[in-house]
Protein backbone atom coordinates (compact mmCIF):
# COMPACT_ATOMS: atom_id res chain seq x y z
CA MET A 1 0.00 0.00 0.00
CA ALA A 2 1.41 3.44 0.84
CA ARG A 3 4.44 1.64 2.33
CA LEU A 4 5.60 1.59 -1.29
CA LEU A 5 6.94 5.09 -0.73
CA VAL A 6 9.42 3.93 1.88
CA LEU A 7 10.30 0.43 0.73
CA GLY A 8 9.53 0.57 -2.96
CA LEU A 9 11.53 3.64 -3.81
CA LEU A 10 14.58 2.28 -2.04
CA ALA A 11 14.36 -1.30 -3.32
CA LEU A 12 13.21 -0.74 -6.87
CA LEU A 13 15.36 2.17 -8.07
CA GLY A 14 16.38 1.13 -11.57
CA GLY A 15 14.23 -2.00 -11.35
CA CYS A 16 11.92 -3.51 -13.92
CA GLN A 17 8.89 -1.55 -12.67
CA LEU A 18 10.62 1.75 -13.37
CA LEU A 19 11.71 0.61 -16.81
CA GLU A 20 8.17 -0.48 -17.62
CA LEU A 21 6.81 2.83 -16.37
CA ASP A 22 9.30 4.69 -18.56
CA ARG A 23 8.32 2.56 -21.55
CA GLN A 24 4.65 3.34 -20.98
CA TYR A 25 5.19 7.09 -20.91
CA ALA A 26 7.48 6.99 -23.95
CA SER A 27 4.79 5.06 -25.81
CA ALA A 28 2.15 7.59 -24.75
CA GLN A 29 4.22 10.47 -26.08
CA ARG A 30 4.45 8.69 -29.44
CA GLU A 31 0.84 7.57 -29.71
CA LEU A 32 -1.28 10.16 -27.90
CA LEU A 33 -2.02 13.83 -28.33
CA LEU A 34 -3.75 16.57 -26.37
CA ILE A 35 -6.82 18.54 -27.39
CA PRO A 36 -6.67 21.45 -24.93
CA GLY A 37 -8.49 24.76 -24.77
CA THR A 38 -10.06 27.52 -22.72
CA LEU A 39 -13.69 28.52 -22.30
CA GLN A 40 -14.22 32.26 -22.69
CA GLY A 41 -17.40 34.06 -21.70
CA SER A 42 -19.59 34.41 -18.64
CA GLU A 43 -21.42 31.06 -18.53
CA GLN A 44 -20.56 27.46 -17.70
CA ALA A 45 -20.51 25.28 -20.80
CA LEU A 46 -20.48 21.62 -21.76
CA VAL A 47 -17.53 20.92 -24.07
CA ALA A 48 -17.87 17.78 -26.19
CA LEU A 49 -15.09 16.04 -28.09
CA LEU A 50 -16.30 14.48 -31.34
CA ASP A 51 -14.66 12.32 -33.99
CA PRO A 52 -14.72 13.37 -37.69
CA GLN A 53 -18.14 11.68 -38.05
CA ALA A 54 -19.49 13.79 -35.14
CA ARG A 55 -19.70 10.82 -32.77
CA LEU A 56 -19.32 11.70 -29.10
CA LEU A 57 -16.03 10.58 -27.55
CA ALA A 58 -15.91 12.47 -24.25
CA TYR A 59 -17.00 15.71 -22.64
CA ARG A 60 -16.08 18.18 -19.93
CA ILE A 61 -18.04 20.61 -17.76
CA VAL A 62 -16.08 23.86 -17.94
CA GLN A 63 -16.38 27.07 -15.95
CA PRO A 64 -15.87 30.55 -17.49
CA GLY A 65 -12.16 31.08 -18.00
CA GLY A 66 -11.50 27.41 -17.28
CA LEU A 67 -8.91 25.29 -19.05
CA PHE A 68 -9.85 21.83 -20.30
CA TYR A 69 -8.08 19.03 -22.11
CA PHE A 70 -8.61 15.59 -23.61
CA SER A 71 -5.89 12.94 -24.09
CA MET A 72 -6.62 10.84 -27.18
CA PRO A 73 -4.94 8.67 -29.83
CA ALA A 74 -3.48 10.60 -32.74
CA GLY A 75 -6.19 11.65 -35.19
CA ASP A 76 -8.61 14.42 -36.15
CA TYR A 77 -11.18 15.77 -33.71
CA GLN A 78 -13.95 18.32 -33.38
CA LEU A 79 -14.93 20.42 -30.37
CA LEU A 80 -18.46 21.60 -29.66
CA ALA A 81 -19.22 23.77 -26.64
CA PHE A 82 -22.66 24.96 -25.59
CA SER A 83 -24.33 26.72 -22.67
CA ASP A 84 -26.95 24.27 -21.45
CA ARG A 85 -29.32 26.93 -20.16
CA ASN A 86 -32.32 24.63 -19.67
CA GLY A 87 -30.29 21.80 -18.12
CA ASN A 88 -31.48 19.06 -20.48
CA LEU A 89 -27.92 18.10 -21.56
CA ARG A 90 -28.83 18.70 -25.21
CA LEU A 91 -27.77 21.44 -27.59
CA ASP A 92 -31.00 23.30 -28.39
CA ALA A 93 -31.42 25.75 -31.23
CA ASP A 94 -31.59 28.80 -28.97
CA GLU A 95 -28.55 27.96 -26.83
CA PRO A 96 -25.17 29.66 -27.34
CA HIS A 97 -22.64 27.31 -28.90
CA HIS A 98 -19.23 27.25 -30.55
CA TRP A 99 -18.26 24.53 -32.99
CA LEU A 100 -14.67 23.88 -34.10
CA PRO A 101 -14.80 21.27 -36.90
CA GLN A 102 -10.99 21.10 -36.88
CA ALA A 103 -9.77 21.25 -33.30
CA ARG A 104 -6.12 22.09 -32.83
CA THR A 105 -3.96 19.48 -31.11
CA ALA A 106 -0.63 19.37 -29.31
CA PRO A 107 1.92 16.64 -28.56
CA PHE A 108 1.10 14.66 -25.44
CA ARG A 109 2.86 15.89 -22.29
CA VAL A 110 3.05 13.81 -19.15
CA GLN A 111 3.42 16.62 -16.64
CA PRO A 112 3.09 20.16 -18.08
CA ASN A 113 3.84 22.98 -15.66
CA ALA A 114 1.50 25.90 -15.02
CA GLU A 115 3.01 28.05 -17.79
CA GLN A 116 2.80 25.21 -20.31
CA ARG A 117 -0.81 24.48 -19.34
CA SER A 118 -1.68 28.13 -19.90
CA GLN A 119 -0.05 28.05 -23.34
CA LEU A 120 -1.87 24.84 -24.25
CA GLY A 121 -5.14 26.44 -23.23
CA GLN A 122 -4.75 29.01 -25.99
CA LEU A 123 -4.93 26.39 -28.76
CA ASN A 124 -8.73 26.15 -28.82
CA LEU A 125 -10.53 29.24 -27.53
CA LEU A 126 -14.24 28.52 -27.19
CA GLN A 127 -16.64 31.47 -27.05
CA PRO A 128 -20.23 30.16 -27.20
CA GLU A 129 -21.80 33.54 -26.49
CA LEU A 130 -19.99 35.19 -29.41
CA ALA A 131 -19.72 32.36 -31.92
CA SER A 132 -23.42 31.44 -32.04
CA HIS A 133 -23.99 33.90 -34.87
CA SER A 134 -22.02 31.71 -37.26
CA ARG A 135 -24.03 30.30 -40.16
CA ALA A 136 -22.41 26.89 -39.84
CA THR A 137 -24.83 24.29 -38.47
CA PRO A 138 -23.25 22.26 -35.67
CA PRO A 139 -23.83 18.52 -35.27
CA ALA A 140 -26.75 17.39 -33.13
CA LEU A 141 -25.54 16.75 -29.60
CA ASP A 142 -27.34 14.99 -26.75
CA LEU A 143 -25.17 14.29 -23.71
CA SER A 144 -28.07 12.66 -21.90
CA GLN A 145 -27.32 9.65 -24.14
CA ALA A 146 -23.65 9.57 -23.15
CA TYR A 147 -23.99 6.59 -20.82
CA ARG A 148 -25.47 4.49 -23.59
CA GLU A 149 -22.97 5.68 -26.21
CA LEU A 150 -19.75 5.49 -24.20
CA PRO A 151 -19.08 1.91 -23.03
CA ARG A 152 -16.55 2.87 -20.34
CA LEU A 153 -19.14 5.06 -18.61
CA GLN A 154 -21.61 2.16 -18.61
CA HIS A 155 -19.23 0.18 -16.41
CA ASN A 156 -17.32 2.78 -14.38
CA TYR A 157 -19.73 5.62 -13.60
CA LEU A 158 -21.99 5.24 -10.56
CA GLN A 159 -22.28 1.51 -11.10
CA VAL A 160 -22.91 -0.68 -8.04
CA VAL A 161 -19.91 -2.76 -6.93
CA ASP A 162 -18.58 -4.36 -3.76
CA PHE A 163 -15.14 -4.14 -2.24
CA ASP A 164 -14.18 -7.50 -3.78
CA ASP A 165 -14.66 -6.30 -7.34
CA PRO A 166 -11.79 -7.66 -9.50
CA ARG A 167 -11.01 -4.11 -10.67
CA PHE A 168 -9.81 -3.45 -7.10
CA SER A 169 -7.55 -6.53 -6.88
CA PRO A 170 -3.91 -6.29 -5.71
CA GLN A 171 -2.83 -7.00 -9.29
CA ARG A 172 -4.82 -4.02 -10.56
CA VAL A 173 -3.51 -1.85 -7.73
CA SER A 174 0.05 -2.67 -8.77
CA GLN A 175 -0.81 -2.07 -12.41
CA GLY A 176 -2.19 1.37 -11.55
CA ALA A 177 1.08 2.26 -9.83
CA TRP A 178 3.57 0.84 -12.34
CA GLN A 179 1.67 0.41 -15.62
CA PRO A 180 -0.86 3.24 -15.32
CA LEU A 181 -1.54 3.54 -19.04
CA ASP A 182 -2.34 -0.18 -19.26
CA PHE A 183 -4.65 0.38 -16.29
CA LEU A 184 -6.40 3.22 -18.12
CA SER A 185 -6.86 1.05 -21.20
CA GLU A 186 -8.10 -2.04 -19.36
CA VAL A 187 -9.92 -0.56 -16.35
CA GLY A 188 -10.04 3.23 -16.45
CA TYR A 189 -10.93 5.80 -13.85
CA GLY A 190 -14.02 4.93 -11.85
CA LEU A 191 -16.65 6.48 -9.62
CA TYR A 192 -18.54 3.57 -8.06
CA LEU A 193 -21.39 2.99 -5.61
CA LEU A 194 -21.90 0.35 -2.94
CA GLU A 195 -25.69 0.64 -3.28
CA PRO A 196 -27.91 2.05 -6.06
CA TRP A 197 -28.06 5.83 -6.19
CA ASP A 198 -30.57 7.25 -3.72
CA ALA A 199 -31.48 10.91 -4.16
CA ASP A 200 -32.42 11.15 -0.47
CA LYS A 201 -28.90 10.28 0.73
CA GLU A 202 -25.85 12.53 1.05
CA PRO A 203 -22.86 11.34 -1.02
CA ILE A 204 -19.52 10.81 0.72
CA VAL A 205 -16.73 10.47 -1.84
CA LEU A 206 -13.89 8.19 -0.65
CA VAL A 207 -10.44 8.71 -2.22
CA HIS A 208 -7.67 6.12 -1.68
CA GLY A 209 -3.92 6.74 -1.64
CA ILE A 210 -0.84 5.53 -3.51
CA ASN A 211 -0.54 1.85 -4.47
CA SER A 212 -3.99 1.35 -3.00
CA GLY A 213 -7.63 1.04 -3.97
CA PRO A 214 -11.21 1.40 -2.71
CA PRO A 215 -11.06 -1.72 -0.44
CA VAL A 216 -8.98 0.24 2.09
CA TRP A 217 -12.28 1.87 3.11
CA ARG A 218 -13.98 -1.44 3.91
CA GLU A 219 -13.85 -1.22 7.72
CA LEU A 220 -14.64 2.48 8.02
CA ALA A 221 -17.53 2.05 5.60
CA GLU A 222 -19.15 -0.44 7.98
CA HIS A 223 -19.40 2.30 10.60
CA ILE A 224 -20.97 5.02 8.45
CA ASP A 225 -24.75 5.36 8.56
CA ARG A 226 -25.77 3.96 5.17
CA GLU A 227 -29.39 4.98 5.68
CA ARG A 228 -28.32 8.61 5.56
CA PHE A 229 -25.15 8.58 3.46
CA GLN A 230 -24.32 7.28 -0.03
CA LEU A 231 -20.73 6.03 -0.27
CA VAL A 232 -19.02 6.84 -3.57
CA LEU A 233 -15.66 5.22 -4.39
CA PHE A 234 -13.15 7.10 -6.55
CA HIS A 235 -10.73 4.69 -8.24
CA TYR A 236 -7.64 5.94 -10.04
CA PRO A 237 -4.16 4.73 -11.10
CA SER A 238 -1.79 6.09 -8.49
CA GLY A 239 1.22 6.19 -10.82
CA LEU A 240 -0.15 9.08 -12.88
CA PRO A 241 0.63 12.73 -12.13
CA LEU A 242 -1.62 13.91 -9.30
CA ASN A 243 -2.95 16.90 -11.20
CA HIS A 244 -4.47 14.61 -13.82
CA SER A 245 -6.32 12.49 -11.27
CA ALA A 246 -7.43 15.61 -9.40
CA TYR A 247 -8.77 17.11 -12.63
CA LEU A 248 -10.80 14.01 -13.46
CA LEU A 249 -12.11 13.69 -9.90
CA GLY A 250 -13.26 17.30 -10.11
CA GLU A 251 -14.93 16.61 -13.46
CA ALA A 252 -16.70 13.55 -12.05
CA LEU A 253 -18.04 15.54 -9.10
CA ARG A 254 -19.26 18.30 -11.41
CA ASP A 255 -21.07 15.67 -13.44
CA VAL A 256 -22.72 14.14 -10.37
CA GLN A 257 -23.97 17.57 -9.35
CA LEU A 258 -25.19 18.35 -12.85
CA ARG A 259 -27.11 15.10 -13.27
CA HIS A 260 -28.23 14.27 -9.72
CA ARG A 261 -28.15 17.62 -7.86
CA PRO A 262 -27.45 16.32 -4.32
CA GLN A 263 -28.38 18.81 -1.61
CA ARG A 264 -24.89 18.47 -0.17
CA PHE A 265 -21.89 16.12 -0.32
CA HIS A 266 -18.62 15.36 1.49
CA VAL A 267 -15.11 14.16 0.58
CA PHE A 268 -12.93 11.82 2.68
CA ALA A 269 -9.38 10.87 1.66
CA HIS A 270 -6.52 8.72 2.93
CA SER A 271 -2.79 9.32 2.50
CA MET A 272 -1.85 10.64 -0.96
CA GLY A 273 -5.56 10.65 -1.76
CA GLY A 274 -5.78 13.81 0.33
CA LEU A 275 -3.39 15.54 -2.08
CA VAL A 276 -5.54 14.48 -5.03
CA ALA A 277 -8.80 15.38 -3.31
CA ARG A 278 -7.75 18.83 -2.09
CA ARG A 279 -6.65 19.85 -5.59
CA ALA A 280 -9.94 18.53 -6.99
CA VAL A 281 -11.87 20.61 -4.46
CA GLN A 282 -9.82 23.67 -5.43
CA LEU A 283 -10.67 23.11 -9.09
CA LEU A 284 -14.32 22.52 -8.24
CA SER A 285 -14.61 25.74 -6.27
CA ALA A 286 -14.28 27.76 -9.48
CA GLY A 287 -17.81 28.51 -10.57
CA GLY A 288 -19.39 27.36 -7.32
CA GLY A 289 -18.75 23.63 -7.74
CA THR A 290 -18.22 23.26 -3.99
CA ASP A 291 -21.22 25.29 -2.84
CA ARG A 292 -22.81 22.08 -1.56
CA GLN A 293 -19.68 20.44 -0.20
CA CYS A 294 -19.75 20.62 3.58
CA LEU A 295 -16.99 18.35 4.90
CA PHE A 296 -13.43 17.56 3.81
CA LEU A 297 -11.86 14.93 6.07
CA THR A 298 -8.40 13.47 5.55
CA LEU A 299 -6.49 10.68 7.27
CA ALA A 300 -2.67 10.44 7.37
CA THR A 301 -2.11 12.73 4.39
CA PRO A 302 1.50 13.79 3.62
CA TRP A 303 0.70 17.46 3.04
CA ASP A 304 4.38 18.36 2.77
CA GLY A 305 5.31 15.41 0.58
CA HIS A 306 7.68 12.54 1.23
CA PRO A 307 11.51 12.56 1.39
CA SER A 308 11.73 9.21 -0.41
CA ALA A 309 10.21 10.83 -3.49
CA ALA A 310 13.05 13.35 -3.53
CA ASP A 311 15.54 10.48 -3.09
CA GLY A 312 14.01 8.70 -6.06
CA ILE A 313 14.35 11.81 -8.24
CA ALA A 314 17.98 12.23 -7.21
CA ARG A 315 19.09 8.60 -7.55
CA ALA A 316 16.88 6.71 -9.98
CA PRO A 317 17.82 6.37 -13.66
CA VAL A 318 14.11 6.72 -14.45
CA VAL A 319 11.83 9.10 -12.54
CA ALA A 320 8.17 8.30 -11.96
CA PRO A 321 6.12 11.48 -12.58
CA VAL A 322 4.21 11.04 -9.32
CA TRP A 323 7.50 11.37 -7.42
CA ARG A 324 7.89 14.90 -8.74
CA ASP A 325 4.53 15.76 -7.22
CA LEU A 326 5.36 14.10 -3.89
CA ALA A 327 8.83 15.59 -3.47
CA PRO A 328 8.87 18.18 -0.66
CA GLY A 329 8.61 21.68 -2.09
CA SER A 330 7.21 20.51 -5.44
CA GLN A 331 5.13 22.85 -7.55
CA TYR A 332 2.13 20.63 -6.94
CA LEU A 333 2.47 20.76 -3.15
CA GLN A 334 3.02 24.52 -3.21
CA SER A 335 -0.18 25.02 -5.20
CA LEU A 336 -2.30 23.03 -2.73
CA PHE A 337 -2.45 25.85 -0.20
CA ALA A 338 -1.92 28.81 -2.52
CA THR A 339 -5.71 29.14 -2.55
CA PRO A 340 -7.67 28.30 0.62
CA LEU A 341 -10.74 26.11 0.39
CA PRO A 342 -14.09 27.91 0.69
CA ALA A 343 -14.86 28.88 4.28
CA HIS A 344 -18.12 26.90 4.41
CA ILE A 345 -16.22 23.60 4.01
CA SER A 346 -15.33 22.14 7.41
CA GLN A 347 -11.85 20.59 7.28
CA TRP A 348 -10.96 17.74 9.65
CA LEU A 349 -7.38 16.42 9.84
CA LEU A 350 -6.80 12.98 11.37
CA VAL A 351 -3.08 12.44 11.89
CA SER A 352 -1.42 9.07 12.64
CA TYR A 353 1.81 8.99 14.67
CA SER A 354 2.52 5.38 15.79
CA GLY A 355 4.51 2.65 14.05
CA ASN A 356 7.73 4.61 13.70
CA SER A 357 10.00 3.20 10.95
CA ARG A 358 13.79 3.47 11.10
CA LEU A 359 13.86 3.82 7.32
CA LEU A 360 12.91 7.46 7.86
CA GLU A 361 15.03 9.87 9.87
CA GLN A 362 12.07 11.90 11.15
CA PRO A 363 9.36 10.66 13.52
CA ASN A 364 6.73 8.96 11.37
CA ASP A 365 3.71 6.67 11.26
CA GLY A 366 5.61 3.85 9.58
CA VAL A 367 5.25 5.46 6.15
CA VAL A 368 4.79 9.24 6.31
CA PRO A 369 6.81 11.74 8.39
CA LEU A 370 4.72 13.29 11.13
CA ALA A 371 6.00 16.73 10.13
CA SER A 372 4.52 16.25 6.65
CA GLU A 373 1.11 15.33 8.07
CA LEU A 374 1.32 18.42 10.28
CA ARG A 375 2.24 20.95 7.59
CA ALA A 376 1.52 24.38 9.05
CA ALA A 377 -0.73 25.45 6.17
CA ALA A 378 -2.91 22.36 6.64
CA GLN A 379 -3.19 23.04 10.36
CA ASP A 380 -4.10 26.68 9.75
CA GLU A 381 -7.10 25.75 7.61
CA ALA A 382 -8.31 22.83 9.72
CA GLN A 383 -11.37 23.34 11.89
CA ARG A 384 -10.53 20.13 13.78
CA LEU A 385 -7.17 18.39 14.17
CA PHE A 386 -6.74 15.04 15.95
CA LEU A 387 -3.61 12.95 16.58
CA LEU A 388 -4.29 9.22 16.71
CA ALA A 389 -2.01 6.55 18.17
CA GLU A 390 -2.24 4.54 14.93
CA ASP A 391 0.10 3.76 12.07
CA HIS A 392 -0.43 4.72 8.44
CA THR A 393 -2.86 1.91 7.67
CA SER A 394 -4.37 1.06 11.06
CA ILE A 395 -5.92 4.54 11.17
CA LEU A 396 -8.40 3.22 8.60
CA ALA A 397 -9.62 0.52 11.02
CA SER A 398 -9.31 2.45 14.25
CA PRO A 399 -12.31 2.75 16.60
CA ARG A 400 -11.08 6.27 17.29
CA SER A 401 -11.28 7.12 13.57
CA GLN A 402 -14.77 5.64 13.43
CA GLU A 403 -15.87 7.77 16.36
CA LEU A 404 -14.38 10.96 14.92
CA ILE A 405 -16.06 10.38 11.57
CA ARG A 406 -19.40 9.84 13.30
CA ARG A 407 -18.81 13.06 15.22
CA ALA A 408 -17.93 15.03 12.09
CA LEU A 409 -21.10 13.85 10.35
CA SER A 410 -23.33 14.36 13.39
CA GLU A 411 -22.17 17.96 13.75
CA LEU A 412 -23.49 18.88 10.31
CA PRO A 413 -26.51 21.19 10.48
CA ASP A 414 -29.92 19.97 9.36
CA SER A 415 -29.47 21.82 6.08
CA GLY A 416 -26.67 23.73 4.42
CA CYS A 417 -23.08 23.51 5.64
CA ARG A 418 -22.70 26.02 8.48
């Protein structure tokens, strides 16, 4: 599990996993491309990616001024953006839209920095409110049919599973860490349910950490009131750059709100999952995407990164992109607290401090340095901070954790967040 950071980085530097990871990314740079852009205007828009025959391939929900991107095999693509003013997920004749029959593309980049992302965003500027006067007739577009047209969504989006689903197996967990592009091809990102969607329940989104999967939540899930709360499992390959997983988690949560309109929702995360989830919440907050999020609770999250990631960058012949994000002082970690989360979101930090490992110089929980869990910026934003006499994994099965989660949920008001 997350112990990979301590043991794996030291034992596998230059090993076959790293070589395979390098091969995967080299292959991606040869075979994939990016279709990036920026939405201009004053309204949220749905941005659809179409093939040359105008068949839907994917879509994004984009806020005004927001950057978006799609990673696809080399080829020709169209972009069609529209302001869905009546909320029916279809492009109607009177709705502002912008159609680019020949979308501009860019070479695939594994980990573009902020300046590069901004430059990529200029490739396809979408202006539905200004472009609607064009005489060109756009293709018919009905995103309400997306879950019948896109096979991956039929299997991975709000489908009912259990914790023993083969997609969550140890073999798939390892694949997500070391062969993430194979994982994307064979499994893909997922947002799963443990019971059918119930509009009367409040969703709690559970985000796992590195070299891990949804089953880590099994014991805590047994102690959450399932009559009141809907558990939603986010599944992602932990070997990919964190910004990519955060972006897609944010997109998934926008989609849930667009289609199901929950009155409020909450996000819980363990270990590195907290780094993914916080960035997703930051991205969501643009355009009011977190107006209904009330609680953000993290367990054993390395807010200040991990020294073994820096060691891997310094010593390994091949560098895993996720190490760059996890290295103390990385651009990703700096960005996490550059913008505070909205004040109405109650932030709870559960910190583990037992199980000290001699593989780390600093006091730690067996995997993560205590100082990283207690990053000052994370403490400053937290409404509640608790230190638990647990190690990095036992915190997920701790009676104390169960009690604190019950307390956090019971303190929510009858309606709204504060």
